[in-house]
PDB file of all heavy atoms in Angstrom:
ATOM      1  N   THR A   1       2.738   4.118   5.494  1.00  0.00           N
ATOM      2  CA  THR A   1       3.908   4.794   6.039  1.00  0.00           C
ATOM      3  C   THR A   1       5.155   4.523   5.197  1.00  0.00           C
ATOM      4  O   THR A   1       5.926   5.428   4.867  1.00  0.00           O
ATOM      5  CB  THR A   1       4.162   4.360   7.492  1.00  0.00           C
ATOM      6  OG1 THR A   1       2.991   4.614   8.266  1.00  0.00           O
ATOM      7  CG2 THR A   1       5.350   5.134   8.106  1.00  0.00           C
ATOM      8  N   ALA A   2       5.306   3.247   4.806  1.00  0.00           N
ATOM      9  CA  ALA A   2       6.438   2.893   3.939  1.00  0.00           C
ATOM     10  C   ALA A   2       6.346   3.604   2.594  1.00  0.00           C
ATOM     11  O   ALA A   2       7.375   4.053   2.037  1.00  0.00           O
ATOM     12  CB  ALA A   2       6.496   1.395   3.764  1.00  0.00           C
ATOM     13  N   LEU A   3       5.156   3.659   2.058  1.00  0.00           N
ATOM     14  CA  LEU A   3       4.961   4.318   0.755  1.00  0.00           C
ATOM     15  C   LEU A   3       5.305   5.787   0.831  1.00  0.00           C
ATOM     16  O   LEU A   3       5.833   6.386  -0.131  1.00  0.00           O
ATOM     17  CB  LEU A   3       3.517   4.124   0.297  1.00  0.00           C
ATOM     18  CG  LEU A   3       3.172   4.496  -1.143  1.00  0.00           C
ATOM     19  CD1 LEU A   3       4.000   3.692  -2.139  1.00  0.00           C
ATOM     20  CD2 LEU A   3       1.690   4.253  -1.422  1.00  0.00           C
ATOM     21  N   ALA A   4       5.012   6.413   1.969  1.00  0.00           N
ATOM     22  CA  ALA A   4       5.344   7.828   2.164  1.00  0.00           C
ATOM     23  C   ALA A   4       6.827   8.066   2.199  1.00  0.00           C
ATOM     24  O   ALA A   4       7.318   9.146   1.847  1.00  0.00           O
ATOM     25  CB  ALA A   4       4.679   8.359   3.433  1.00  0.00           C
ATOM     26  N   LEU A   5       7.587   7.058   2.601  1.00  0.00           N
ATOM     27  CA  LEU A   5       9.054   7.186   2.713  1.00  0.00           C
ATOM     28  C   LEU A   5       9.784   6.750   1.469  1.00  0.00           C
ATOM     29  O   LEU A   5      10.981   7.033   1.307  1.00  0.00           O
ATOM     30  CB  LEU A   5       9.549   6.351   3.914  1.00  0.00           C
ATOM     31  CG  LEU A   5       8.992   6.762   5.277  1.00  0.00           C
ATOM     32  CD1 LEU A   5       9.469   5.789   6.346  1.00  0.00           C
ATOM     33  CD2 LEU A   5       9.398   8.175   5.644  1.00  0.00           C
ATOM     34  N   LEU A   6       9.093   6.040   0.558  1.00  0.00           N
ATOM     35  CA  LEU A   6       9.724   5.544  -0.672  1.00  0.00           C
ATOM     36  C   LEU A   6       9.829   6.643  -1.716  1.00  0.00           C
ATOM     37  O   LEU A   6       9.116   7.672  -1.645  1.00  0.00           O
ATOM     38  CB  LEU A   6       8.875   4.401  -1.267  1.00  0.00           C
ATOM     39  CG  LEU A   6       9.086   2.989  -0.701  1.00  0.00           C
ATOM     40  CD1 LEU A   6       8.086   2.039  -1.352  1.00  0.00           C
ATOM     41  CD2 LEU A   6      10.525   2.515  -0.954  1.00  0.00           C
ATOM     42  N   HIS A   7      10.688   6.380  -2.726  1.00  0.00           N
ATOM     43  CA  HIS A   7      10.732   7.230  -3.887  1.00  0.00           C
ATOM     44  C   HIS A   7      10.230   6.388  -5.032  1.00  0.00           C
ATOM     45  O   HIS A   7      10.951   5.633  -5.676  1.00  0.00           O
ATOM     46  CB  HIS A   7      12.175   7.708  -4.165  1.00  0.00           C
ATOM     47  CG  HIS A   7      12.727   8.611  -3.157  1.00  0.00           C
ATOM     48  ND1 HIS A   7      12.311   9.923  -3.008  1.00  0.00           N
ATOM     49  CD2 HIS A   7      13.630   8.385  -2.139  1.00  0.00           C
ATOM     50  CE1 HIS A   7      12.949  10.508  -2.026  1.00  0.00           C
ATOM     51  NE2 HIS A   7      13.761   9.587  -1.468  1.00  0.00           N
ATOM     52  N   PRO A   8       8.890   6.464  -5.318  1.00  0.00           N
ATOM     53  CA  PRO A   8       8.299   5.554  -6.251  1.00  0.00           C
ATOM     54  C   PRO A   8       8.875   5.628  -7.660  1.00  0.00           C
ATOM     55  O   PRO A   8       8.949   4.632  -8.376  1.00  0.00           O
ATOM     56  CB  PRO A   8       6.800   5.928  -6.244  1.00  0.00           C
ATOM     57  CG  PRO A   8       6.767   7.293  -5.659  1.00  0.00           C
ATOM     58  CD  PRO A   8       7.914   7.378  -4.732  1.00  0.00           C
ATOM     59  N   ALA A   9       9.323   6.813  -8.078  1.00  0.00           N
ATOM     60  CA  ALA A   9       9.887   6.944  -9.436  1.00  0.00           C
ATOM     61  C   ALA A   9      11.151   6.124  -9.595  1.00  0.00           C
ATOM     62  O   ALA A   9      11.431   5.554 -10.650  1.00  0.00           O
ATOM     63  CB  ALA A   9      10.130   8.411  -9.755  1.00  0.00           C
ATOM     64  N   GLY A  10      11.938   6.055  -8.531  1.00  0.00           N
ATOM     65  CA  GLY A  10      13.169   5.307  -8.581  1.00  0.00           C
ATOM     66  C   GLY A  10      13.054   3.848  -8.123  1.00  0.00           C
ATOM     67  O   GLY A  10      13.950   3.048  -8.396  1.00  0.00           O
ATOM     68  N   GLN A  11      11.975   3.536  -7.436  1.00  0.00           N
ATOM     69  CA  GLN A  11      11.772   2.171  -6.921  1.00  0.00           C
ATOM     70  C   GLN A  11      10.346   1.719  -7.276  1.00  0.00           C
ATOM     71  O   GLN A  11       9.520   1.468  -6.403  1.00  0.00           O
ATOM     72  CB  GLN A  11      11.957   2.154  -5.419  1.00  0.00           C
ATOM     73  CG  GLN A  11      13.327   2.618  -4.961  1.00  0.00           C
ATOM     74  CD  GLN A  11      13.380   2.809  -3.444  1.00  0.00           C
ATOM     75  OE1 GLN A  11      12.897   3.805  -2.921  1.00  0.00           O
ATOM     76  NE2 GLN A  11      13.985   1.842  -2.751  1.00  0.00           N
ATOM     77  N   PRO A  12      10.026   1.633  -8.559  1.00  0.00           N
ATOM     78  CA  PRO A  12       8.638   1.290  -8.952  1.00  0.00           C
ATOM     79  C   PRO A  12       8.182  -0.083  -8.479  1.00  0.00           C
ATOM     80  O   PRO A  12       7.029  -0.238  -8.101  1.00  0.00           O
ATOM     81  CB  PRO A  12       8.669   1.381 -10.452  1.00  0.00           C
ATOM     82  CG  PRO A  12      10.101   1.200 -10.843  1.00  0.00           C
ATOM     83  CD  PRO A  12      10.889   1.801  -9.731  1.00  0.00           C
ATOM     84  N   ALA A  13       9.063  -1.090  -8.494  1.00  0.00           N
ATOM     85  CA  ALA A  13       8.665  -2.434  -8.066  1.00  0.00           C
ATOM     86  C   ALA A  13       8.339  -2.428  -6.560  1.00  0.00           C
ATOM     87  O   ALA A  13       7.320  -3.007  -6.150  1.00  0.00           O
ATOM     88  CB  ALA A  13       9.755  -3.427  -8.380  1.00  0.00           C
ATOM     89  N   ALA A  14       9.211  -1.803  -5.779  1.00  0.00           N
ATOM     90  CA  ALA A  14       8.937  -1.743  -4.340  1.00  0.00           C
ATOM     91  C   ALA A  14       7.660  -0.956  -4.057  1.00  0.00           C
ATOM     92  O   ALA A  14       6.847  -1.318  -3.166  1.00  0.00           O
ATOM     93  CB  ALA A  14      10.127  -1.101  -3.617  1.00  0.00           C
ATOM     94  N   ALA A  15       7.471   0.151  -4.806  1.00  0.00           N
ATOM     95  CA  ALA A  15       6.265   0.954  -4.612  1.00  0.00           C
ATOM     96  C   ALA A  15       5.016   0.160  -4.956  1.00  0.00           C
ATOM     97  O   ALA A  15       3.989   0.263  -4.245  1.00  0.00           O
ATOM     98  CB  ALA A  15       6.340   2.238  -5.445  1.00  0.00           C
ATOM     99  N   ALA A  16       5.087  -0.651  -6.011  1.00  0.00           N
ATOM    100  CA  ALA A  16       3.931  -1.462  -6.383  1.00  0.00           C
ATOM    101  C   ALA A  16       3.607  -2.502  -5.319  1.00  0.00           C
ATOM    102  O   ALA A  16       2.450  -2.754  -5.003  1.00  0.00           O
ATOM    103  CB  ALA A  16       4.173  -2.144  -7.718  1.00  0.00           C
ATOM    104  N   ALA A  17       4.660  -3.126  -4.760  1.00  0.00           N
ATOM    105  CA  ALA A  17       4.467  -4.147  -3.736  1.00  0.00           C
ATOM    106  C   ALA A  17       3.847  -3.516  -2.491  1.00  0.00           C
ATOM    107  O   ALA A  17       2.924  -4.087  -1.883  1.00  0.00           O
ATOM    108  CB  ALA A  17       5.799  -4.832  -3.402  1.00  0.00           C
ATOM    109  N   VAL A  18       4.346  -2.377  -2.069  1.00  0.00           N
ATOM    110  CA  VAL A  18       3.829  -1.722  -0.876  1.00  0.00           C
ATOM    111  C   VAL A  18       2.395  -1.230  -1.110  1.00  0.00           C
ATOM    112  O   VAL A  18       1.530  -1.328  -0.241  1.00  0.00           O
ATOM    113  CB  VAL A  18       4.751  -0.561  -0.454  1.00  0.00           C
ATOM    114  CG1 VAL A  18       4.142   0.239   0.701  1.00  0.00           C
ATOM    115  CG2 VAL A  18       6.127  -1.114  -0.037  1.00  0.00           C
ATOM    116  N   THR A  19       2.157  -0.717  -2.311  1.00  0.00           N
ATOM    117  CA  THR A  19       0.802  -0.271  -2.631  1.00  0.00           C
ATOM    118  C   THR A  19      -0.173  -1.435  -2.609  1.00  0.00           C
ATOM    119  O   THR A  19      -1.308  -1.314  -2.116  1.00  0.00           O
ATOM    120  CB  THR A  19       0.794   0.406  -4.030  1.00  0.00           C
ATOM    121  OG1 THR A  19       1.658   1.509  -4.042  1.00  0.00           O
ATOM    122  CG2 THR A  19      -0.611   0.851  -4.407  1.00  0.00           C
ATOM    123  N   ALA A  20       0.259  -2.594  -3.118  1.00  0.00           N
ATOM    124  CA  ALA A  20      -0.614  -3.771  -3.118  1.00  0.00           C
ATOM    125  C   ALA A  20      -0.887  -4.211  -1.678  1.00  0.00           C
ATOM    126  O   ALA A  20      -2.031  -4.611  -1.359  1.00  0.00           O
ATOM    127  CB  ALA A  20       0.047  -4.909  -3.891  1.00  0.00           C
ATOM    128  N   LEU A  21       0.109  -4.132  -0.806  1.00  0.00           N
ATOM    129  CA  LEU A  21      -0.106  -4.511   0.577  1.00  0.00           C
ATOM    130  C   LEU A  21      -1.102  -3.542   1.242  1.00  0.00           C
ATOM    131  O   LEU A  21      -2.007  -3.953   2.023  1.00  0.00           O
ATOM    132  CB  LEU A  21       1.211  -4.474   1.344  1.00  0.00           C
ATOM    133  CG  LEU A  21       1.151  -4.772   2.852  1.00  0.00           C
ATOM    134  CD1 LEU A  21       0.562  -6.155   3.122  1.00  0.00           C
ATOM    135  CD2 LEU A  21       2.519  -4.624   3.492  1.00  0.00           C
ATOM    136  N   ALA A  22      -0.969  -2.224   0.950  1.00  0.00           N
ATOM    137  CA  ALA A  22      -1.920  -1.256   1.520  1.00  0.00           C
ATOM    138  C   ALA A  22      -3.317  -1.565   1.062  1.00  0.00           C
ATOM    139  O   ALA A  22      -4.306  -1.438   1.845  1.00  0.00           O
ATOM    140  CB  ALA A  22      -1.492   0.147   1.097  1.00  0.00           C
ATOM    141  N   GLY A  23      -3.472  -1.951  -0.209  1.00  0.00           N
ATOM    142  CA  GLY A  23      -4.799  -2.241  -0.726  1.00  0.00           C
ATOM    143  C   GLY A  23      -5.416  -3.512  -0.184  1.00  0.00           C
ATOM    144  O   GLY A  23      -6.524  -3.520   0.320  1.00  0.00           O
ATOM    145  N   VAL A  24      -4.628  -4.588  -0.220  1.00  0.00           N
ATOM    146  CA  VAL A  24      -5.190  -5.890   0.183  1.00  0.00           C
ATOM    147  C   VAL A  24      -5.492  -5.959   1.672  1.00  0.00           C
ATOM    148  O   VAL A  24      -6.295  -6.766   2.149  1.00  0.00           O
ATOM    149  CB  VAL A  24      -4.213  -7.022  -0.241  1.00  0.00           C
ATOM    150  CG1 VAL A  24      -3.053  -7.158   0.752  1.00  0.00           C
ATOM    151  CG2 VAL A  24      -4.941  -8.353  -0.394  1.00  0.00           C
ATOM    152  N   SER A  25      -4.831  -5.095   2.461  1.00  0.00           N
ATOM    153  CA  SER A  25      -5.060  -5.102   3.928  1.00  0.00           C
ATOM    154  C   SER A  25      -6.047  -3.988   4.329  1.00  0.00           C
ATOM    155  O   SER A  25      -6.105  -3.645   5.516  1.00  0.00           O
ATOM    156  CB  SER A  25      -3.734  -4.903   4.677  1.00  0.00           C
ATOM    157  OG  SER A  25      -3.103  -3.713   4.301  1.00  0.00           O
ATOM    158  N   THR A  26      -6.794  -3.434   3.403  1.00  0.00           N
ATOM    159  CA  THR A  26      -7.793  -2.429   3.737  1.00  0.00           C
ATOM    160  C   THR A  26      -8.781  -3.002   4.756  1.00  0.00           C
ATOM    161  O   THR A  26      -9.423  -4.023   4.503  1.00  0.00           O
ATOM    162  CB  THR A  26      -8.589  -2.005   2.495  1.00  0.00           C
ATOM    163  OG1 THR A  26      -7.659  -1.429   1.543  1.00  0.00           O
ATOM    164  CG2 THR A  26      -9.680  -0.989   2.814  1.00  0.00           C
ATOM    165  N   PRO A  27      -8.914  -2.411   5.929  1.00  0.00           N
ATOM    166  CA  PRO A  27      -9.788  -2.970   6.963  1.00  0.00           C
ATOM    167  C   PRO A  27     -11.252  -3.126   6.437  1.00  0.00           C
ATOM    168  O   PRO A  27     -11.791  -2.184   5.854  1.00  0.00           O
ATOM    169  CB  PRO A  27      -9.727  -1.940   8.081  1.00  0.00           C
ATOM    170  CG  PRO A  27      -8.427  -1.261   7.912  1.00  0.00           C
ATOM    171  CD  PRO A  27      -8.204  -1.217   6.423  1.00  0.00           C
ATOM    172  N   PRO A  28     -11.866  -4.262   6.653  1.00  0.00           N
ATOM    173  CA  PRO A  28     -13.223  -4.517   6.125  1.00  0.00           C
ATOM    174  C   PRO A  28     -14.311  -3.864   6.986  1.00  0.00           C
ATOM    175  O   PRO A  28     -15.181  -4.564   7.528  1.00  0.00           O
ATOM    176  CB  PRO A  28     -13.313  -6.044   6.136  1.00  0.00           C
ATOM    177  CG  PRO A  28     -12.479  -6.449   7.309  1.00  0.00           C
ATOM    178  CD  PRO A  28     -11.332  -5.475   7.364  1.00  0.00           C
ATOM    179  N   LEU A  29     -14.244  -2.564   7.087  1.00  0.00           N
ATOM    180  CA  LEU A  29     -15.154  -1.874   7.994  1.00  0.00           C
ATOM    181  C   LEU A  29     -16.608  -1.909   7.570  1.00  0.00           C
ATOM    182  O   LEU A  29     -17.522  -1.971   8.396  1.00  0.00           O
ATOM    183  CB  LEU A  29     -14.701  -0.416   8.178  1.00  0.00           C
ATOM    184  CG  LEU A  29     -13.545  -0.215   9.153  1.00  0.00           C
ATOM    185  CD1 LEU A  29     -12.958   1.176   8.986  1.00  0.00           C
ATOM    186  CD2 LEU A  29     -13.990  -0.438  10.583  1.00  0.00           C
ATOM    187  N   GLU A  30     -16.841  -1.895   6.242  1.00  0.00           N
ATOM    188  CA  GLU A  30     -18.221  -1.948   5.776  1.00  0.00           C
ATOM    189  C   GLU A  30     -18.849  -3.278   6.158  1.00  0.00           C
ATOM    190  O   GLU A  30     -19.990  -3.331   6.675  1.00  0.00           O
ATOM    191  CB  GLU A  30     -18.248  -1.782   4.266  1.00  0.00           C
ATOM    192  CG  GLU A  30     -17.944  -0.351   3.806  1.00  0.00           C
ATOM    193  CD  GLU A  30     -18.077  -0.211   2.298  1.00  0.00           C
ATOM    194  OE1 GLU A  30     -19.219  -0.021   1.812  1.00  0.00           O
ATOM    195  OE2 GLU A  30     -17.052  -0.273   1.623  1.00  0.00           O
ATOM    196  N   ALA A  31     -18.133  -4.380   5.929  1.00  0.00           N
ATOM    197  CA  ALA A  31     -18.655  -5.687   6.317  1.00  0.00           C
ATOM    198  C   ALA A  31     -18.761  -5.793   7.814  1.00  0.00           C
ATOM    199  O   ALA A  31     -19.750  -6.374   8.344  1.00  0.00           O
ATOM    200  CB  ALA A  31     -17.740  -6.789   5.760  1.00  0.00           C
ATOM    201  N   ALA A  32     -17.787  -5.262   8.552  1.00  0.00           N
ATOM    202  CA  ALA A  32     -17.783  -5.320  10.001  1.00  0.00           C
ATOM    203  C   ALA A  32     -19.007  -4.584  10.569  1.00  0.00           C
ATOM    204  O   ALA A  32     -19.621  -5.051  11.549  1.00  0.00           O
ATOM    205  CB  ALA A  32     -16.498  -4.725  10.557  1.00  0.00           C
ATOM    206  N   LEU A  33     -19.372  -3.470   9.968  1.00  0.00           N
ATOM    207  CA  LEU A  33     -20.517  -2.719  10.455  1.00  0.00           C
ATOM    208  C   LEU A  33     -21.823  -3.452  10.153  1.00  0.00           C
ATOM    209  O   LEU A  33     -22.724  -3.532  10.974  1.00  0.00           O
ATOM    210  CB  LEU A  33     -20.521  -1.353   9.803  1.00  0.00           C
ATOM    211  CG  LEU A  33     -21.669  -0.389  10.176  1.00  0.00           C
ATOM    212  CD1 LEU A  33     -21.667  -0.127  11.681  1.00  0.00           C
ATOM    213  CD2 LEU A  33     -21.563   0.927   9.439  1.00  0.00           C
TER     214      LEU A  33
END
């Protein structure tokens, strides 16, 4: 949601941090199943 509201071209560091958070918190559904 935050990434959708950001302007990544003007805020690349913030976009990278939010993108990393989105990736690292990917729900472990395959393992859970």
